[in-house]
Amino acid sequence: GLNKRQVFLWIILPQVLLSSIPALTNQVINNLKDSTIVFLIQYTEFFARIQEVAATSFKFFHAYLFAAIVYLIGVTFIVGLTRFLEHRLLRHYGQDY
């Protein structure tokens, strides 16, 4: 038989990890969106600079398009990383989870 530690490590933990990855991904993306400091870049300062450039050059569309592209790159990276993690866990623990 398995002791409590083995049951947790080999049965419960893989199920918890695989079922929680989508929720954790959403939380990380929300933190990225709502946080003032992400990856050592202050997004509030970043968007203030975008607004400043847009106001001085009157190219609002281009400035906000650039900000959207930067945000999408960050979100795409996070989603790709979590997909990789999920596939790796599925491959390691099997498709039954």
Protein backbone atom coordinates (compact mmCIF):
# COMPACT_ATOMS: atom_id res chain seq x y z
CA GLY A 1 0.00 0.00 0.00
CA LEU A 2 0.88 3.64 -0.18
CA ASN A 3 1.50 5.84 2.82
CA LYS A 4 -0.09 9.29 3.13
CA ARG A 5 2.88 11.08 1.58
CA GLN A 6 2.94 8.78 -1.45
CA VAL A 7 -0.82 9.14 -1.94
CA PHE A 8 -0.48 12.91 -1.89
CA LEU A 9 2.55 13.05 -4.21
CA TRP A 10 1.45 10.45 -6.76
CA ILE A 11 -2.34 10.72 -6.81
CA ILE A 12 -3.69 13.96 -5.36
CA LEU A 13 -1.00 16.48 -6.38
CA PRO A 14 -1.03 15.67 -10.13
CA GLN A 15 -4.82 15.98 -10.24
CA VAL A 16 -4.73 19.29 -8.40
CA LEU A 17 -2.00 20.70 -10.63
CA LEU A 18 -3.72 19.76 -13.87
CA SER A 19 -7.13 21.02 -12.79
CA SER A 20 -5.78 24.31 -11.42
CA ILE A 21 -3.63 25.39 -14.39
CA PRO A 22 -6.46 27.21 -16.28
CA ALA A 23 -7.50 29.12 -13.15
CA LEU A 24 -3.89 30.00 -12.35
CA THR A 25 -3.38 31.22 -15.92
CA ASN A 26 -6.39 33.52 -15.64
CA GLN A 27 -5.12 34.85 -12.32
CA VAL A 28 -1.64 35.55 -13.71
CA ILE A 29 -3.13 37.39 -16.70
CA ASN A 30 -5.38 39.43 -14.39
CA ASN A 31 -2.37 40.27 -12.23
CA LEU A 32 -0.49 41.32 -15.35
CA LYS A 33 -3.36 43.57 -16.32
CA ASP A 34 -3.97 45.04 -12.86
CA SER A 35 -0.44 45.25 -11.49
CA THR A 36 1.66 48.38 -11.47
CA ILE A 37 4.94 46.51 -11.56
CA VAL A 38 5.30 43.57 -13.92
CA PHE A 39 8.60 42.13 -15.06
CA LEU A 40 10.37 45.16 -13.58
CA ILE A 41 8.43 47.49 -15.89
CA GLN A 42 5.96 49.90 -14.41
CA TYR A 43 2.91 49.63 -16.64
CA THR A 44 1.41 52.80 -15.21
CA GLU A 45 4.52 54.66 -16.30
CA PHE A 46 4.47 52.83 -19.63
CA PHE A 47 0.90 53.88 -20.35
CA ALA A 48 1.60 57.42 -19.15
CA ARG A 49 4.42 57.61 -21.71
CA ILE A 50 2.11 56.20 -24.38
CA GLN A 51 -0.46 58.89 -23.61
CA GLU A 52 2.26 61.54 -23.65
CA VAL A 53 3.53 60.41 -27.05
CA ALA A 54 -0.02 60.23 -28.39
CA ALA A 55 -0.81 63.74 -27.14
CA THR A 56 2.33 65.32 -28.58
CA SER A 57 2.30 63.54 -31.94
CA PHE A 58 -1.48 63.31 -32.38
CA LYS A 59 -1.01 59.67 -33.39
CA PHE A 60 -3.28 58.12 -30.82
CA PHE A 61 -4.04 55.02 -32.85
CA HIS A 62 -0.38 54.13 -33.35
CA ALA A 63 0.54 54.75 -29.73
CA TYR A 64 -2.29 52.66 -28.32
CA LEU A 65 -1.73 49.98 -30.95
CA PHE A 66 1.86 49.69 -29.75
CA ALA A 67 0.68 49.39 -26.14
CA ALA A 68 -1.83 46.71 -27.14
CA ILE A 69 0.86 44.76 -29.00
CA VAL A 70 3.15 44.86 -25.96
CA TYR A 71 0.30 43.63 -23.75
CA LEU A 72 -0.62 40.86 -26.21
CA ILE A 73 2.98 39.68 -26.40
CA GLY A 74 3.08 39.39 -22.61
CA VAL A 75 -0.23 37.53 -22.43
CA THR A 76 0.74 35.23 -25.32
CA PHE A 77 3.98 34.38 -23.55
CA ILE A 78 2.15 33.51 -20.33
CA VAL A 79 -0.47 31.40 -22.13
CA GLY A 80 2.24 29.57 -24.09
CA LEU A 81 4.18 28.89 -20.91
CA THR A 82 1.14 27.47 -19.13
CA ARG A 83 0.22 25.32 -22.16
CA PHE A 84 3.74 23.93 -22.17
CA LEU A 85 3.49 23.20 -18.45
CA GLU A 86 0.09 21.54 -18.87
CA HIS A 87 1.27 19.33 -21.75
CA ARG A 88 4.38 18.38 -19.83
CA LEU A 89 2.33 17.39 -16.79
CA LEU A 90 -0.07 15.40 -18.98
CA ARG A 91 2.83 13.61 -20.64
CA HIS A 92 4.46 12.87 -17.28
CA TYR A 93 1.36 11.75 -15.38
CA GLY A 94 -0.61 10.31 -18.29
CA GLN A 95 -3.81 11.27 -20.06
CA ASP A 96 -6.06 9.86 -17.32
CA TYR A 97 -5.93 13.09 -15.33
